[in-house]
Amino acid sequence: MSTTPEHDRKIAVMSFASVYPHYVNKVEKKGRTKAELHEVVEWLTGFNETELKELIEKKVSFQEFFEKANLNPKASLIKGVICGYRIEEIETPLTKQVRYLDKLVDELAKGRKMEKILRSA
């Protein structure tokens, strides 16, 4: 299933801060921690705790969030279906990056081992 230009625009302008509490809730509900979530976000984007907090406070859009990110070279190893879309088939780079993050959060919530989530095993 391919994304539409409208879908891609909606994701680009959505603020990371508006989605972040949902990420926290999702992982904590499944017994994982905010610290583990931050580890996953840092692995993907390069943002440390302080930078992440600053981006949340500034309510940056996903577009600005990923423009500032230093995407992990192993991010392309993130595959599968998330939110009804097969990550490998998403053509818009920003939408793909947001879905990478969604997939990592999903894997964390599902109890996958951290070394697998961080594509180190």
PDB file of N, CA and C in Angstrom:
ATOM      1  N   MET A   1       0.840  -1.168   0.000  1.00  0.00           N
ATOM      2  CA  MET A   1       0.000   0.000   0.000  1.00  0.00           C
ATOM      3  C   MET A   1       0.895   1.244   0.000  1.00  0.00           C
ATOM      4  N   SER A   2       0.690   2.105  -0.959  1.00  0.00           N
ATOM      5  CA  SER A   2       1.497   3.299  -1.113  1.00  0.00           C
ATOM      6  C   SER A   2       0.862   4.471  -0.371  1.00  0.00           C
ATOM      7  N   THR A   3       1.696   5.357   0.163  1.00  0.00           N
ATOM      8  CA  THR A   3       1.160   6.528   0.858  1.00  0.00           C
ATOM      9  C   THR A   3       0.702   7.562  -0.164  1.00  0.00           C
ATOM     10  N   THR A   4      -0.232   8.409   0.247  1.00  0.00           N
ATOM     11  CA  THR A   4      -0.719   9.473  -0.635  1.00  0.00           C
ATOM     12  C   THR A   4       0.005  10.770  -0.292  1.00  0.00           C
ATOM     13  N   PRO A   5       0.034  11.718  -1.221  1.00  0.00           N
ATOM     14  CA  PRO A   5       0.652  13.015  -0.913  1.00  0.00           C
ATOM     15  C   PRO A   5       0.004  13.693   0.305  1.00  0.00           C
ATOM     16  N   GLU A   6      -1.305  13.525   0.459  1.00  0.00           N
ATOM     17  CA  GLU A   6      -2.011  14.122   1.605  1.00  0.00           C
ATOM     18  C   GLU A   6      -1.524  13.490   2.907  1.00  0.00           C
ATOM     19  N   HIS A   7      -1.389  12.169   2.896  1.00  0.00           N
ATOM     20  CA  HIS A   7      -0.896  11.434   4.061  1.00  0.00           C
ATOM     21  C   HIS A   7       0.511  11.918   4.420  1.00  0.00           C
ATOM     22  N   ASP A   8       1.368  12.037   3.420  1.00  0.00           N
ATOM     23  CA  ASP A   8       2.746  12.468   3.643  1.00  0.00           C
ATOM     24  C   ASP A   8       2.796  13.892   4.209  1.00  0.00           C
ATOM     25  N   ARG A   9       1.951  14.786   3.700  1.00  0.00           N
ATOM     26  CA  ARG A   9       1.899  16.171   4.193  1.00  0.00           C
ATOM     27  C   ARG A   9       1.427  16.211   5.643  1.00  0.00           C
ATOM     28  N   LYS A  10       0.420  15.399   5.955  1.00  0.00           N
ATOM     29  CA  LYS A  10      -0.123  15.351   7.313  1.00  0.00           C
ATOM     30  C   LYS A  10       0.958  14.926   8.307  1.00  0.00           C
ATOM     31  N   ILE A  11       1.738  13.927   7.940  1.00  0.00           N
ATOM     32  CA  ILE A  11       2.821  13.452   8.798  1.00  0.00           C
ATOM     33  C   ILE A  11       3.896  14.529   8.947  1.00  0.00           C
ATOM     34  N   ALA A  12       4.229  15.207   7.866  1.00  0.00           N
ATOM     35  CA  ALA A  12       5.293  16.213   7.894  1.00  0.00           C
ATOM     36  C   ALA A  12       4.992  17.347   8.872  1.00  0.00           C
ATOM     37  N   VAL A  13       3.731  17.771   8.942  1.00  0.00           N
ATOM     38  CA  VAL A  13       3.384  18.921   9.796  1.00  0.00           C
ATOM     39  C   VAL A  13       3.000  18.513  11.221  1.00  0.00           C
ATOM     40  N   MET A  14       2.765  17.244  11.456  1.00  0.00           N
ATOM     41  CA  MET A  14       2.405  16.772  12.802  1.00  0.00           C
ATOM     42  C   MET A  14       3.586  17.005  13.748  1.00  0.00           C
ATOM     43  N   SER A  15       3.304  17.453  14.960  1.00  0.00           N
ATOM     44  CA  SER A  15       4.409  17.705  15.892  1.00  0.00           C
ATOM     45  C   SER A  15       4.820  16.405  16.580  1.00  0.00           C
ATOM     46  N   PHE A  16       6.133  16.276  16.754  1.00  0.00           N
ATOM     47  CA  PHE A  16       6.656  15.122  17.478  1.00  0.00           C
ATOM     48  C   PHE A  16       6.106  15.117  18.898  1.00  0.00           C
ATOM     49  N   ALA A  17       5.988  16.302  19.502  1.00  0.00           N
ATOM     50  CA  ALA A  17       5.491  16.421  20.880  1.00  0.00           C
ATOM     51  C   ALA A  17       4.075  15.882  21.028  1.00  0.00           C
ATOM     52  N   SER A  18       3.274  15.955  19.978  1.00  0.00           N
ATOM     53  CA  SER A  18       1.897  15.458  20.061  1.00  0.00           C
ATOM     54  C   SER A  18       1.838  13.932  20.052  1.00  0.00           C
ATOM     55  N   VAL A  19       2.842  13.297  19.495  1.00  0.00           N
ATOM     56  CA  VAL A  19       2.872  11.832  19.389  1.00  0.00           C
ATOM     57  C   VAL A  19       3.681  11.207  20.527  1.00  0.00           C
ATOM     58  N   TYR A  20       4.664  11.934  21.023  1.00  0.00           N
ATOM     59  CA  TYR A  20       5.558  11.420  22.054  1.00  0.00           C
ATOM     60  C   TYR A  20       4.826  10.818  23.270  1.00  0.00           C
ATOM     61  N   PRO A  21       3.814  11.495  23.844  1.00  0.00           N
ATOM     62  CA  PRO A  21       3.121  10.887  24.993  1.00  0.00           C
ATOM     63  C   PRO A  21       2.477   9.543  24.659  1.00  0.00           C
ATOM     64  N   HIS A  22       2.046   9.375  23.417  1.00  0.00           N
ATOM     65  CA  HIS A  22       1.470   8.097  22.990  1.00  0.00           C
ATOM     66  C   HIS A  22       2.541   7.009  22.943  1.00  0.00           C
ATOM     67  N   TYR A  23       3.745   7.376  22.498  1.00  0.00           N
ATOM     68  CA  TYR A  23       4.858   6.427  22.512  1.00  0.00           C
ATOM     69  C   TYR A  23       5.151   5.989  23.952  1.00  0.00           C
ATOM     70  N   VAL A  24       5.252   6.972  24.860  1.00  0.00           N
ATOM     71  CA  VAL A  24       5.545   6.672  26.266  1.00  0.00           C
ATOM     72  C   VAL A  24       4.465   5.761  26.847  1.00  0.00           C
ATOM     73  N   ASN A  25       3.219   6.119  26.629  1.00  0.00           N
ATOM     74  CA  ASN A  25       2.091   5.337  27.142  1.00  0.00           C
ATOM     75  C   ASN A  25       2.125   3.905  26.610  1.00  0.00           C
ATOM     76  N   LYS A  26       2.382   3.778  25.317  1.00  0.00           N
ATOM     77  CA  LYS A  26       2.386   2.456  24.681  1.00  0.00           C
ATOM     78  C   LYS A  26       3.451   1.542  25.288  1.00  0.00           C
ATOM     79  N   VAL A  27       4.654   2.062  25.460  1.00  0.00           N
ATOM     80  CA  VAL A  27       5.720   1.196  25.979  1.00  0.00           C
ATOM     81  C   VAL A  27       5.562   0.939  27.475  1.00  0.00           C
ATOM     82  N   GLU A  28       5.135   1.948  28.237  1.00  0.00           N
ATOM     83  CA  GLU A  28       4.978   1.754  29.683  1.00  0.00           C
ATOM     84  C   GLU A  28       3.831   0.806  30.001  1.00  0.00           C
ATOM     85  N   LYS A  29       2.780   0.852  29.191  1.00  0.00           N
ATOM     86  CA  LYS A  29       1.644  -0.059  29.372  1.00  0.00           C
ATOM     87  C   LYS A  29       2.075  -1.517  29.213  1.00  0.00           C
ATOM     88  N   LYS A  30       3.127  -1.728  28.444  1.00  0.00           N
ATOM     89  CA  LYS A  30       3.616  -3.081  28.185  1.00  0.00           C
ATOM     90  C   LYS A  30       4.839  -3.433  29.037  1.00  0.00           C
ATOM     91  N   GLY A  31       5.104  -2.608  30.068  1.00  0.00           N
ATOM     92  CA  GLY A  31       6.176  -2.940  30.996  1.00  0.00           C
ATOM     93  C   GLY A  31       7.560  -2.455  30.612  1.00  0.00           C
ATOM     94  N   ARG A  32       7.663  -1.656  29.579  1.00  0.00           N
ATOM     95  CA  ARG A  32       8.965  -1.088  29.206  1.00  0.00           C
ATOM     96  C   ARG A  32       9.061   0.311  29.809  1.00  0.00           C
ATOM     97  N   THR A  33      10.234   0.926  29.725  1.00  0.00           N
ATOM     98  CA  THR A  33      10.445   2.209  30.395  1.00  0.00           C
ATOM     99  C   THR A  33      10.651   3.361  29.409  1.00  0.00           C
ATOM    100  N   LYS A  34      10.470   4.557  29.949  1.00  0.00           N
ATOM    101  CA  LYS A  34      10.736   5.767  29.164  1.00  0.00           C
ATOM    102  C   LYS A  34      12.215   5.805  28.778  1.00  0.00           C
ATOM    103  N   ALA A  35      13.086   5.344  29.670  1.00  0.00           N
ATOM    104  CA  ALA A  35      14.526   5.300  29.381  1.00  0.00           C
ATOM    105  C   ALA A  35      14.812   4.402  28.180  1.00  0.00           C
ATOM    106  N   GLU A  36      14.117   3.269  28.102  1.00  0.00           N
ATOM    107  CA  GLU A  36      14.296   2.373  26.943  1.00  0.00           C
ATOM    108  C   GLU A  36      13.786   3.053  25.673  1.00  0.00           C
ATOM    109  N   LEU A  37      12.664   3.753  25.786  1.00  0.00           N
ATOM    110  CA  LEU A  37      12.137   4.499  24.636  1.00  0.00           C
ATOM    111  C   LEU A  37      13.170   5.514  24.166  1.00  0.00           C
ATOM    112  N   HIS A  38      13.759   6.256  25.100  1.00  0.00           N
ATOM    113  CA  HIS A  38      14.751   7.260  24.736  1.00  0.00           C
ATOM    114  C   HIS A  38      15.986   6.625  24.105  1.00  0.00           C
ATOM    115  N   GLU A  39      16.349   5.437  24.572  1.00  0.00           N
ATOM    116  CA  GLU A  39      17.484   4.717  23.973  1.00  0.00           C
ATOM    117  C   GLU A  39      17.198   4.383  22.512  1.00  0.00           C
ATOM    118  N   VAL A  40      15.979   3.958  22.239  1.00  0.00           N
ATOM    119  CA  VAL A  40      15.569   3.612  20.875  1.00  0.00           C
ATOM    120  C   VAL A  40      15.553   4.874  19.999  1.00  0.00           C
ATOM    121  N   VAL A  41      14.989   5.958  20.521  1.00  0.00           N
ATOM    122  CA  VAL A  41      14.929   7.215  19.761  1.00  0.00           C
ATOM    123  C   VAL A  41      16.341   7.728  19.490  1.00  0.00           C
ATOM    124  N   GLU A  42      17.216   7.643  20.494  1.00  0.00           N
ATOM    125  CA  GLU A  42      18.591   8.103  20.291  1.00  0.00           C
ATOM    126  C   GLU A  42      19.314   7.248  19.262  1.00  0.00           C
ATOM    127  N   TRP A  43      19.094   5.939  19.304  1.00  0.00           N
ATOM    128  CA  TRP A  43      19.729   5.056  18.316  1.00  0.00           C
ATOM    129  C   TRP A  43      19.325   5.468  16.903  1.00  0.00           C
ATOM    130  N   LEU A  44      18.047   5.737  16.695  1.00  0.00           N
ATOM    131  CA  LEU A  44      17.562   6.079  15.356  1.00  0.00           C
ATOM    132  C   LEU A  44      17.981   7.482  14.923  1.00  0.00           C
ATOM    133  N   THR A  45      17.891   8.449  15.835  1.00  0.00           N
ATOM    134  CA  THR A  45      18.032   9.862  15.446  1.00  0.00           C
ATOM    135  C   THR A  45      19.327  10.529  15.884  1.00  0.00           C
ATOM    136  N   GLY A  46      19.990   9.971  16.895  1.00  0.00           N
ATOM    137  CA  GLY A  46      21.174  10.606  17.438  1.00  0.00           C
ATOM    138  C   GLY A  46      20.866  11.620  18.531  1.00  0.00           C
ATOM    139  N   PHE A  47      19.580  11.883  18.817  1.00  0.00           N
ATOM    140  CA  PHE A  47      19.219  12.870  19.836  1.00  0.00           C
ATOM    141  C   PHE A  47      19.401  12.306  21.236  1.00  0.00           C
ATOM    142  N   ASN A  48      20.178  13.021  22.059  1.00  0.00           N
ATOM    143  CA  ASN A  48      20.312  12.602  23.460  1.00  0.00           C
ATOM    144  C   ASN A  48      19.105  13.119  24.246  1.00  0.00           C
ATOM    145  N   GLU A  49      19.082  12.814  25.521  1.00  0.00           N
ATOM    146  CA  GLU A  49      17.959  13.165  26.400  1.00  0.00           C
ATOM    147  C   GLU A  49      17.656  14.671  26.374  1.00  0.00           C
ATOM    148  N   THR A  50      18.703  15.489  26.484  1.00  0.00           N
ATOM    149  CA  THR A  50      18.541  16.945  26.519  1.00  0.00           C
ATOM    150  C   THR A  50      17.985  17.462  25.193  1.00  0.00           C
ATOM    151  N   GLU A  51      18.554  16.990  24.091  1.00  0.00           N
ATOM    152  CA  GLU A  51      18.088  17.424  22.764  1.00  0.00           C
ATOM    153  C   GLU A  51      16.641  17.001  22.536  1.00  0.00           C
ATOM    154  N   LEU A  52      16.304  15.807  22.951  1.00  0.00           N
ATOM    155  CA  LEU A  52      14.941  15.301  22.782  1.00  0.00           C
ATOM    156  C   LEU A  52      13.953  16.169  23.561  1.00  0.00           C
ATOM    157  N   LYS A  53      14.296  16.482  24.799  1.00  0.00           N
ATOM    158  CA  LYS A  53      13.439  17.325  25.632  1.00  0.00           C
ATOM    159  C   LYS A  53      13.232  18.696  24.982  1.00  0.00           C
ATOM    160  N   GLU A  54      14.305  19.253  24.447  1.00  0.00           N
ATOM    161  CA  GLU A  54      14.246  20.562  23.790  1.00  0.00           C
ATOM    162  C   GLU A  54      13.322  20.522  22.559  1.00  0.00           C
ATOM    163  N   LEU A  55      13.428  19.474  21.762  1.00  0.00           N
ATOM    164  CA  LEU A  55      12.583  19.337  20.568  1.00  0.00           C
ATOM    165  C   LEU A  55      11.117  19.188  20.949  1.00  0.00           C
ATOM    166  N   ILE A  56      10.855  18.488  22.046  1.00  0.00           N
ATOM    167  CA  ILE A  56       9.486  18.330  22.533  1.00  0.00           C
ATOM    168  C   ILE A  56       8.946  19.680  23.005  1.00  0.00           C
ATOM    169  N   GLU A  57       9.757  20.416  23.770  1.00  0.00           N
ATOM    170  CA  GLU A  57       9.334  21.727  24.268  1.00  0.00           C
ATOM    171  C   GLU A  57       9.053  22.710  23.130  1.00  0.00           C
ATOM    172  N   LYS A  58       9.852  22.623  22.062  1.00  0.00           N
ATOM    173  CA  LYS A  58       9.684  23.520  20.912  1.00  0.00           C
ATOM    174  C   LYS A  58       8.530  23.080  20.001  1.00  0.00           C
ATOM    175  N   LYS A  59       7.986  21.887  20.276  1.00  0.00           N
ATOM    176  CA  LYS A  59       6.891  21.329  19.476  1.00  0.00           C
ATOM    177  C   LYS A  59       7.222  21.304  17.971  1.00  0.00           C
ATOM    178  N   VAL A  60       8.423  20.804  17.668  1.00  0.00           N
ATOM    179  CA  VAL A  60       8.846  20.728  16.268  1.00  0.00           C
ATOM    180  C   VAL A  60       7.994  19.721  15.501  1.00  0.00           C
ATOM    181  N   SER A  61       7.841  19.974  14.221  1.00  0.00           N
ATOM    182  CA  SER A  61       7.121  19.045  13.349  1.00  0.00           C
ATOM    183  C   SER A  61       8.015  17.827  13.108  1.00  0.00           C
ATOM    184  N   PHE A  62       7.398  16.753  12.625  1.00  0.00           N
ATOM    185  CA  PHE A  62       8.205  15.581  12.272  1.00  0.00           C
ATOM    186  C   PHE A  62       9.207  15.950  11.184  1.00  0.00           C
ATOM    187  N   GLN A  63       8.815  16.851  10.281  1.00  0.00           N
ATOM    188  CA  GLN A  63       9.747  17.258   9.232  1.00  0.00           C
ATOM    189  C   GLN A  63      10.992  17.889   9.843  1.00  0.00           C
ATOM    190  N   GLU A  64      10.813  18.832  10.763  1.00  0.00           N
ATOM    191  CA  GLU A  64      11.952  19.474  11.403  1.00  0.00           C
ATOM    192  C   GLU A  64      12.722  18.481  12.277  1.00  0.00           C
ATOM    193  N   PHE A  65      12.006  17.610  12.970  1.00  0.00           N
ATOM    194  CA  PHE A  65      12.610  16.589  13.831  1.00  0.00           C
ATOM    195  C   PHE A  65      13.602  15.749  13.034  1.00  0.00           C
ATOM    196  N   PHE A  66      13.160  15.237  11.878  1.00  0.00           N
ATOM    197  CA  PHE A  66      14.049  14.364  11.097  1.00  0.00           C
ATOM    198  C   PHE A  66      15.071  15.146  10.274  1.00  0.00           C
ATOM    199  N   GLU A  67      14.810  16.432   9.987  1.00  0.00           N
ATOM    200  CA  GLU A  67      15.832  17.251   9.332  1.00  0.00           C
ATOM    201  C   GLU A  67      17.018  17.452  10.261  1.00  0.00           C
ATOM    202  N   LYS A  68      16.748  17.563  11.565  1.00  0.00           N
ATOM    203  CA  LYS A  68      17.805  17.773  12.558  1.00  0.00           C
ATOM    204  C   LYS A  68      18.474  16.456  12.973  1.00  0.00           C
ATOM    205  N   ALA A  69      17.818  15.345  12.698  1.00  0.00           N
ATOM    206  CA  ALA A  69      18.319  14.034  13.129  1.00  0.00           C
ATOM    207  C   ALA A  69      19.533  13.599  12.320  1.00  0.00           C
ATOM    208  N   ASN A  70      20.330  12.768  12.960  1.00  0.00           N
ATOM    209  CA  ASN A  70      21.447  12.104  12.296  1.00  0.00           C
ATOM    210  C   ASN A  70      21.041  10.633  12.224  1.00  0.00           C
ATOM    211  N   LEU A  71      20.320  10.272  11.177  1.00  0.00           N
ATOM    212  CA  LEU A  71      19.715   8.947  11.069  1.00  0.00           C
ATOM    213  C   LEU A  71      20.764   7.842  11.102  1.00  0.00           C
ATOM    214  N   ASN A  72      20.502   6.837  11.921  1.00  0.00           N
ATOM    215  CA  ASN A  72      21.408   5.705  12.051  1.00  0.00           C
ATOM    216  C   ASN A  72      21.551   5.002  10.702  1.00  0.00           C
ATOM    217  N   PRO A  73      22.791   4.685  10.285  1.00  0.00           N
ATOM    218  CA  PRO A  73      22.995   3.995   9.002  1.00  0.00           C
ATOM    219  C   PRO A  73      22.298   2.633   8.922  1.00  0.00           C
ATOM    220  N   LYS A  74      22.015   2.034  10.092  1.00  0.00           N
ATOM    221  CA  LYS A  74      21.338   0.738  10.092  1.00  0.00           C
ATOM    222  C   LYS A  74      19.814   0.868  10.023  1.00  0.00           C
ATOM    223  N   ALA A  75      19.293   2.082   9.926  1.00  0.00           N
ATOM    224  CA  ALA A  75      17.844   2.290   9.894  1.00  0.00           C
ATOM    225  C   ALA A  75      17.183   1.534   8.746  1.00  0.00           C
ATOM    226  N   SER A  76      17.902   1.391   7.643  1.00  0.00           N
ATOM    227  CA  SER A  76      17.322   0.682   6.493  1.00  0.00           C
ATOM    228  C   SER A  76      17.078  -0.798   6.779  1.00  0.00           C
ATOM    229  N   LEU A  77      17.616  -1.304   7.894  1.00  0.00           N
ATOM    230  CA  LEU A  77      17.368  -2.696   8.287  1.00  0.00           C
ATOM    231  C   LEU A  77      15.996  -2.864   8.949  1.00  0.00           C
ATOM    232  N   ILE A  78      15.329  -1.737   9.244  1.00  0.00           N
ATOM    233  CA  ILE A  78      14.009  -1.789   9.859  1.00  0.00           C
ATOM    234  C   ILE A  78      13.002  -2.104   8.762  1.00  0.00           C
ATOM    235  N   LYS A  79      12.352  -3.233   8.893  1.00  0.00           N
ATOM    236  CA  LYS A  79      11.422  -3.700   7.855  1.00  0.00           C
ATOM    237  C   LYS A  79      10.139  -4.171   8.502  1.00  0.00           C
ATOM    238  N   GLY A  80       9.142  -4.384   7.674  1.00  0.00           N
ATOM    239  CA  GLY A  80       7.886  -4.913   8.176  1.00  0.00           C
ATOM    240  C   GLY A  80       6.734  -3.960   7.942  1.00  0.00           C
ATOM    241  N   VAL A  81       5.602  -4.302   8.540  1.00  0.00           N
ATOM    242  CA  VAL A  81       4.379  -3.524   8.362  1.00  0.00           C
ATOM    243  C   VAL A  81       4.087  -2.755   9.643  1.00  0.00           C
ATOM    244  N   ILE A  82       3.781  -1.478   9.474  1.00  0.00           N
ATOM    245  CA  ILE A  82       3.378  -0.646  10.597  1.00  0.00           C
ATOM    246  C   ILE A  82       2.293   0.310  10.103  1.00  0.00           C
ATOM    247  N   CYS A  83       1.229   0.418  10.858  1.00  0.00           N
ATOM    248  CA  CYS A  83       0.094   1.295  10.504  1.00  0.00           C
ATOM    249  C   CYS A  83      -0.453   0.976   9.105  1.00  0.00           C
ATOM    250  N   GLY A  84      -0.383  -0.289   8.728  1.00  0.00           N
ATOM    251  CA  GLY A  84      -0.925  -0.705   7.436  1.00  0.00           C
ATOM    252  C   GLY A  84       0.000  -0.499   6.248  1.00  0.00           C
ATOM    253  N   TYR A  85       1.203  -0.021   6.497  1.00  0.00           N
ATOM    254  CA  TYR A  85       2.152   0.236   5.408  1.00  0.00           C
ATOM    255  C   TYR A  85       3.384  -0.634   5.571  1.00  0.00           C
ATOM    256  N   ARG A  86       3.836  -1.219   4.465  1.00  0.00           N
ATOM    257  CA  ARG A  86       5.094  -1.976   4.479  1.00  0.00           C
ATOM    258  C   ARG A  86       6.208  -0.938   4.342  1.00  0.00           C
ATOM    259  N   ILE A  87       7.051  -0.862   5.351  1.00  0.00           N
ATOM    260  CA  ILE A  87       8.087   0.170   5.413  1.00  0.00           C
ATOM    261  C   ILE A  87       8.959   0.181   4.159  1.00  0.00           C
ATOM    262  N   GLU A  88       9.335  -0.981   3.690  1.00  0.00           N
ATOM    263  CA  GLU A  88      10.234  -1.065   2.532  1.00  0.00           C
ATOM    264  C   GLU A  88       9.623  -0.443   1.276  1.00  0.00           C
ATOM    265  N   GLU A  89       8.305  -0.339   1.228  1.00  0.00           N
ATOM    266  CA  GLU A  89       7.627   0.170   0.026  1.00  0.00           C
ATOM    267  C   GLU A  89       7.281   1.657   0.106  1.00  0.00           C
ATOM    268  N   ILE A  90       7.526   2.286   1.240  1.00  0.00           N
ATOM    269  CA  ILE A  90       7.227   3.714   1.374  1.00  0.00           C
ATOM    270  C   ILE A  90       8.281   4.506   0.607  1.00  0.00           C
ATOM    271  N   GLU A  91       7.825   5.350  -0.304  1.00  0.00           N
ATOM    272  CA  GLU A  91       8.747   6.085  -1.171  1.00  0.00           C
ATOM    273  C   GLU A  91       9.162   7.444  -0.603  1.00  0.00           C
ATOM    274  N   THR A  92       8.288   8.090   0.160  1.00  0.00           N
ATOM    275  CA  THR A  92       8.602   9.409   0.697  1.00  0.00           C
ATOM    276  C   THR A  92       9.556   9.249   1.884  1.00  0.00           C
ATOM    277  N   PRO A  93      10.765   9.820   1.788  1.00  0.00           N
ATOM    278  CA  PRO A  93      11.768   9.618   2.843  1.00  0.00           C
ATOM    279  C   PRO A  93      11.282   9.990   4.243  1.00  0.00           C
ATOM    280  N   LEU A  94      10.628  11.122   4.407  1.00  0.00           N
ATOM    281  CA  LEU A  94      10.179  11.532   5.737  1.00  0.00           C
ATOM    282  C   LEU A  94       9.157  10.553   6.300  1.00  0.00           C
ATOM    283  N   THR A  95       8.191  10.155   5.491  1.00  0.00           N
ATOM    284  CA  THR A  95       7.179   9.201   5.951  1.00  0.00           C
ATOM    285  C   THR A  95       7.849   7.891   6.344  1.00  0.00           C
ATOM    286  N   LYS A  96       8.833   7.468   5.584  1.00  0.00           N
ATOM    287  CA  LYS A  96       9.566   6.237   5.904  1.00  0.00           C
ATOM    288  C   LYS A  96      10.282   6.383   7.245  1.00  0.00           C
ATOM    289  N   GLN A  97      10.905   7.538   7.492  1.00  0.00           N
ATOM    290  CA  GLN A  97      11.623   7.752   8.743  1.00  0.00           C
ATOM    291  C   GLN A  97      10.675   7.736   9.943  1.00  0.00           C
ATOM    292  N   VAL A  98       9.509   8.369   9.791  1.00  0.00           N
ATOM    293  CA  VAL A  98       8.521   8.353  10.879  1.00  0.00           C
ATOM    294  C   VAL A  98       8.060   6.930  11.136  1.00  0.00           C
ATOM    295  N   ARG A  99       7.853   6.156  10.094  1.00  0.00           N
ATOM    296  CA  ARG A  99       7.424   4.765  10.256  1.00  0.00           C
ATOM    297  C   ARG A  99       8.535   3.905  10.845  1.00  0.00           C
ATOM    298  N   TYR A 100       9.806   4.245  10.565  1.00  0.00           N
ATOM    299  CA  TYR A 100      10.914   3.560  11.250  1.00  0.00           C
ATOM    300  C   TYR A 100      10.741   3.720  12.757  1.00  0.00           C
ATOM    301  N   LEU A 101      10.508   4.963  13.182  1.00  0.00           N
ATOM    302  CA  LEU A 101      10.342   5.245  14.605  1.00  0.00           C
ATOM    303  C   LEU A 101       9.136   4.509  15.166  1.00  0.00           C
ATOM    304  N   ASP A 102       8.017   4.549  14.450  1.00  0.00           N
ATOM    305  CA  ASP A 102       6.817   3.838  14.891  1.00  0.00           C
ATOM    306  C   ASP A 102       7.096   2.345  15.067  1.00  0.00           C
ATOM    307  N   LYS A 103       7.824   1.774  14.130  1.00  0.00           N
ATOM    308  CA  LYS A 103       8.129   0.342  14.166  1.00  0.00           C
ATOM    309  C   LYS A 103       9.022   0.009  15.365  1.00  0.00           C
ATOM    310  N   LEU A 104      10.014   0.855  15.642  1.00  0.00           N
ATOM    311  CA  LEU A 104      10.888   0.607  16.786  1.00  0.00           C
ATOM    312  C   LEU A 104      10.105   0.680  18.094  1.00  0.00           C
ATOM    313  N   VAL A 105       9.213   1.660  18.206  1.00  0.00           N
ATOM    314  CA  VAL A 105       8.377   1.783  19.405  1.00  0.00           C
ATOM    315  C   VAL A 105       7.492   0.553  19.541  1.00  0.00           C
ATOM    316  N   ASP A 106       6.939   0.091  18.429  1.00  0.00           N
ATOM    317  CA  ASP A 106       6.093  -1.101  18.424  1.00  0.00           C
ATOM    318  C   ASP A 106       6.880  -2.333  18.883  1.00  0.00           C
ATOM    319  N   GLU A 107       8.092  -2.488  18.373  1.00  0.00           N
ATOM    320  CA  GLU A 107       8.928  -3.622  18.756  1.00  0.00           C
ATOM    321  C   GLU A 107       9.270  -3.566  20.247  1.00  0.00           C
ATOM    322  N   LEU A 108       9.546  -2.371  20.753  1.00  0.00           N
ATOM    323  CA  LEU A 108       9.834  -2.194  22.171  1.00  0.00           C
ATOM    324  C   LEU A 108       8.626  -2.605  23.008  1.00  0.00           C
ATOM    325  N   ALA A 109       7.457  -2.128  22.607  1.00  0.00           N
ATOM    326  CA  ALA A 109       6.227  -2.443  23.342  1.00  0.00           C
ATOM    327  C   ALA A 109       5.902  -3.935  23.295  1.00  0.00           C
ATOM    328  N   LYS A 110       6.290  -4.589  22.220  1.00  0.00           N
ATOM    329  CA  LYS A 110       6.002  -6.021  22.097  1.00  0.00           C
ATOM    330  C   LYS A 110       7.006  -6.897  22.833  1.00  0.00           C
ATOM    331  N   GLY A 111       7.971  -6.260  23.503  1.00  0.00           N
ATOM    332  CA  GLY A 111       8.903  -7.023  24.328  1.00  0.00           C
ATOM    333  C   GLY A 111      10.120  -7.563  23.603  1.00  0.00           C
ATOM    334  N   ARG A 112      10.374  -7.079  22.401  1.00  0.00           N
ATOM    335  CA  ARG A 112      11.545  -7.546  21.666  1.00  0.00           C
ATOM    336  C   ARG A 112      12.811  -7.129  22.417  1.00  0.00           C
ATOM    337  N   LYS A 113      13.837  -7.956  22.340  1.00  0.00           N
ATOM    338  CA  LYS A 113      15.100  -7.659  23.027  1.00  0.00           C
ATOM    339  C   LYS A 113      15.744  -6.410  22.416  1.00  0.00           C
ATOM    340  N   MET A 114      16.329  -5.600  23.295  1.00  0.00           N
ATOM    341  CA  MET A 114      16.905  -4.327  22.860  1.00  0.00           C
ATOM    342  C   MET A 114      17.957  -4.494  21.771  1.00  0.00           C
ATOM    343  N   GLU A 115      18.820  -5.518  21.871  1.00  0.00           N
ATOM    344  CA  GLU A 115      19.856  -5.683  20.835  1.00  0.00           C
ATOM    345  C   GLU A 115      19.238  -5.976  19.460  1.00  0.00           C
ATOM    346  N   LYS A 116      18.082  -6.614  19.449  1.00  0.00           N
ATOM    347  CA  LYS A 116      17.395  -6.856  18.168  1.00  0.00           C
ATOM    348  C   LYS A 116      16.763  -5.572  17.642  1.00  0.00           C
ATOM    349  N   ILE A 117      16.142  -4.810  18.560  1.00  0.00           N
ATOM    350  CA  ILE A 117      15.527  -3.542  18.165  1.00  0.00           C
ATOM    351  C   ILE A 117      16.567  -2.614  17.577  1.00  0.00           C
ATOM    352  N   LEU A 118      17.754  -2.582  18.196  1.00  0.00           N
ATOM    353  CA  LEU A 118      18.821  -1.691  17.754  1.00  0.00           C
ATOM    354  C   LEU A 118      19.671  -2.304  16.637  1.00  0.00           C
ATOM    355  N   ARG A 119      19.173  -3.379  16.087  1.00  0.00           N
ATOM    356  CA  ARG A 119      19.784  -4.045  14.934  1.00  0.00           C
ATOM    357  C   ARG A 119      21.264  -4.341  15.152  1.00  0.00           C
ATOM    358  N   SER A 120      21.601  -4.786  16.392  1.00  0.00           N
ATOM    359  CA  SER A 120      22.988  -5.114  16.680  1.00  0.00           C
ATOM    360  C   SER A 120      23.210  -6.606  16.832  1.00  0.00           C
ATOM    361  N   ALA A 121      22.125  -7.375  16.732  1.00  0.00           N
ATOM    362  CA  ALA A 121      22.273  -8.832  16.856  1.00  0.00           C
ATOM    363  C   ALA A 121      21.771  -9.523  15.612  1.00  0.00           C
TER     364      ALA A 121
END
